[in-house]
Amino acid sequence: MGLLRLRANPLGLSHLSLVEAPRGASSAAPAATTQEASPLGEVAPGQFEAAKAHLEAARAQLLGYFAGERQDFSLTLAPKGTLFQRQVWQALLDTGFGQVCSYSDIAGKIARPKAVRAVGAANGANPIAIIVPCHRIIGKNGSLTGYAYGLTMKQQLLALESVEQA
């Protein structure tokens, strides 16, 4: 998949993003720079250990997921977003391992059936990729739709979850 960057604060995991694509793969994700913030973000010294514990738990669970030993994550999440975005992200969390759905399905789950485009935007703004499984959202016709880290990575994640693709 490439190198992943995790960020946390004392309340939970706040970000998971791809730093660089694996060799030979293309990615739409921005390249890493040398001046980016610490993976722990800014925390008071007394809160450092709590944030570090969230990072260590996420790392261990991600390793299990990529090894095919874990299907669910049990992490404390602390993404920042609007109420609408958080509703969409919660609906994504309710989309189980090996399952897929459409933006329209998510809009229906949050009782906003006409907000399909807004659901797409919230899906694209998901700060905790993989764990908040935005890769499980496909087109209503079963085709793959855009993914912040490229369709190759989306295909790899769905293949890891044994999802048959149209």
Protein backbone atom coordinates (compact mmCIF):
# COMPACT_ATOMS: atom_id res chain seq x y z
CA MET A 1 0.00 0.00 0.00
CA GLY A 2 2.84 2.37 0.73
CA LEU A 3 3.86 4.25 3.83
CA LEU A 4 0.96 5.34 6.05
CA ARG A 5 0.99 8.37 8.35
CA LEU A 6 -0.99 8.24 11.58
CA ARG A 7 -1.83 11.22 13.77
CA ALA A 8 -3.50 11.19 17.14
CA ASN A 9 -4.33 13.40 20.06
CA PRO A 10 -5.26 12.41 23.61
CA LEU A 11 -8.89 11.86 22.49
CA GLY A 12 -8.06 9.32 19.77
CA LEU A 13 -6.78 8.72 16.27
CA SER A 14 -7.34 11.83 14.15
CA HIS A 15 -5.69 11.05 10.79
CA LEU A 16 -4.55 8.18 8.63
CA SER A 17 -3.17 9.09 5.24
CA LEU A 18 -0.88 7.66 2.61
CA VAL A 19 2.54 9.30 2.58
CA GLU A 20 3.80 7.77 -0.64
CA ALA A 21 2.61 5.24 -3.14
CA PRO A 22 4.32 1.88 -3.35
CA ARG A 23 6.97 1.67 -6.05
CA GLY A 24 5.50 1.34 -9.50
CA ALA A 25 2.00 2.48 -8.43
CA SER A 26 0.40 5.80 -9.19
CA SER A 27 -1.38 7.79 -6.52
CA ALA A 28 -3.41 10.97 -6.45
CA ALA A 29 -2.27 11.64 -2.88
CA PRO A 30 0.08 14.55 -2.28
CA ALA A 31 3.75 13.75 -1.75
CA ALA A 32 5.19 14.07 1.74
CA THR A 33 7.34 17.04 2.60
CA THR A 34 10.11 17.23 5.14
CA GLN A 35 8.44 20.05 7.07
CA GLU A 36 5.23 18.24 8.03
CA ALA A 37 4.01 18.11 11.62
CA SER A 38 4.88 15.43 14.12
CA PRO A 39 2.73 12.27 13.83
CA LEU A 40 1.40 13.09 17.30
CA GLY A 41 0.34 16.59 16.34
CA GLU A 42 0.55 19.18 19.06
CA VAL A 43 -0.16 17.83 22.53
CA ALA A 44 0.73 18.99 26.00
CA PRO A 45 3.55 16.98 27.59
CA GLY A 46 1.17 15.31 30.05
CA GLN A 47 -1.07 14.14 27.19
CA PHE A 48 1.70 12.67 25.06
CA GLU A 49 1.33 9.13 26.40
CA ALA A 50 -2.42 9.02 25.70
CA ALA A 51 -1.87 10.09 22.09
CA LYS A 52 1.02 7.63 21.73
CA ALA A 53 -1.19 4.77 22.98
CA HIS A 54 -3.77 5.55 20.27
CA LEU A 55 -1.03 5.46 17.63
CA GLU A 56 0.37 2.16 18.89
CA ALA A 57 -3.10 0.55 18.93
CA ALA A 58 -3.79 1.78 15.39
CA ARG A 59 -0.45 0.48 14.14
CA ALA A 60 -1.01 -2.96 15.64
CA GLN A 61 -4.55 -3.22 14.30
CA LEU A 62 -3.53 -2.05 10.82
CA LEU A 63 -0.78 -4.67 10.70
CA GLY A 64 -3.39 -7.31 11.58
CA TYR A 65 -5.76 -5.97 8.90
CA PHE A 66 -3.10 -6.06 6.18
CA ALA A 67 -2.01 -9.55 7.29
CA GLY A 68 -5.60 -10.76 6.83
CA GLU A 69 -5.98 -11.43 10.56
CA ARG A 70 -8.37 -8.57 11.41
CA GLN A 71 -11.65 -7.48 9.88
CA ASP A 72 -12.77 -4.84 12.37
CA PHE A 73 -10.98 -2.01 14.10
CA SER A 74 -11.61 -1.21 17.75
CA LEU A 75 -9.96 2.18 18.04
CA THR A 76 -10.96 5.45 19.60
CA LEU A 77 -11.37 7.90 16.74
CA ALA A 78 -11.22 11.69 16.95
CA PRO A 79 -11.71 13.09 13.44
CA LYS A 80 -12.57 16.74 13.07
CA GLY A 81 -15.41 17.60 10.75
CA THR A 82 -18.87 19.08 10.50
CA LEU A 83 -21.87 17.30 11.97
CA PHE A 84 -22.85 16.15 8.48
CA GLN A 85 -19.34 14.82 7.75
CA ARG A 86 -19.29 12.92 11.05
CA GLN A 87 -22.69 11.38 10.21
CA VAL A 88 -21.34 10.20 6.87
CA TRP A 89 -18.17 8.83 8.47
CA GLN A 90 -20.25 6.95 11.04
CA ALA A 91 -22.30 5.42 8.22
CA LEU A 92 -19.02 4.39 6.57
CA LEU A 93 -18.01 2.67 9.81
CA ASP A 94 -21.29 0.76 9.69
CA THR A 95 -20.33 -0.65 6.26
CA GLY A 96 -18.75 -3.93 7.28
CA PHE A 97 -15.66 -5.72 6.09
CA GLY A 98 -16.17 -7.18 2.63
CA GLN A 99 -19.29 -5.09 1.99
CA VAL A 100 -19.71 -2.20 -0.42
CA CYS A 101 -22.37 0.44 -0.90
CA SER A 102 -22.99 3.60 -2.92
CA TYR A 103 -23.12 7.28 -2.03
CA SER A 104 -26.88 6.97 -2.46
CA ASP A 105 -26.97 4.14 0.10
CA ILE A 106 -25.03 6.27 2.59
CA ALA A 107 -27.34 9.25 1.97
CA GLY A 108 -30.29 6.98 2.76
CA LYS A 109 -28.62 5.64 5.93
CA ILE A 110 -28.28 9.16 7.32
CA ALA A 111 -31.84 10.10 6.29
CA ARG A 112 -30.63 12.64 3.69
CA PRO A 113 -31.55 10.88 0.41
CA LYS A 114 -31.06 14.00 -1.73
CA ALA A 115 -27.58 14.71 -0.33
CA VAL A 116 -25.75 12.24 -2.56
CA ARG A 117 -23.19 14.77 -3.80
CA ALA A 118 -22.59 16.10 -0.28
CA VAL A 119 -22.07 12.51 0.88
CA GLY A 120 -19.47 12.14 -1.88
CA ALA A 121 -17.70 15.29 -0.69
CA ALA A 122 -17.76 14.11 2.94
CA ASN A 123 -16.46 10.72 1.85
CA GLY A 124 -13.59 12.45 0.06
CA ALA A 125 -12.83 14.55 3.16
CA ASN A 126 -12.49 11.48 5.40
CA PRO A 127 -9.32 12.09 7.45
CA ILE A 128 -8.96 8.48 8.65
CA ALA A 129 -8.65 6.39 5.49
CA ILE A 130 -8.91 2.58 5.67
CA ILE A 131 -10.17 2.54 9.27
CA VAL A 132 -13.14 4.73 8.30
CA PRO A 133 -13.65 2.64 5.16
CA CYS A 134 -14.33 5.13 2.39
CA HIS A 135 -12.77 2.61 0.01
CA ARG A 136 -15.95 0.51 0.37
CA ILE A 137 -18.04 3.08 -1.50
CA ILE A 138 -18.57 2.21 -5.14
CA GLY A 139 -20.78 3.52 -7.93
CA LYS A 140 -24.48 2.71 -7.85
CA ASN A 141 -23.90 0.55 -10.95
CA GLY A 142 -21.18 -1.44 -9.15
CA SER A 143 -18.22 0.31 -10.77
CA LEU A 144 -15.27 1.72 -8.86
CA THR A 145 -15.49 5.44 -8.23
CA GLY A 146 -12.77 7.89 -7.27
CA TYR A 147 -10.54 7.40 -4.27
CA ALA A 148 -8.17 9.96 -2.78
CA TYR A 149 -5.22 7.55 -3.09
CA GLY A 150 -6.09 6.25 -6.54
CA LEU A 151 -8.20 3.43 -7.89
CA THR A 152 -5.28 0.97 -7.71
CA MET A 153 -5.15 1.28 -3.93
CA LYS A 154 -8.95 1.09 -3.73
CA GLN A 155 -8.86 -2.14 -5.76
CA GLN A 156 -6.13 -3.54 -3.48
CA LEU A 157 -8.14 -2.77 -0.34
CA LEU A 158 -11.30 -4.32 -1.79
CA ALA A 159 -9.31 -7.38 -2.93
CA LEU A 160 -7.87 -7.71 0.59
CA GLU A 161 -11.48 -7.81 1.81
CA SER A 162 -12.40 -10.29 -0.95
CA VAL A 163 -14.94 -7.96 -2.54
CA GLU A 164 -15.97 -8.96 -6.05
CA GLN A 165 -15.82 -5.92 -8.32
CA ALA A 166 -18.00 -5.25 -11.36
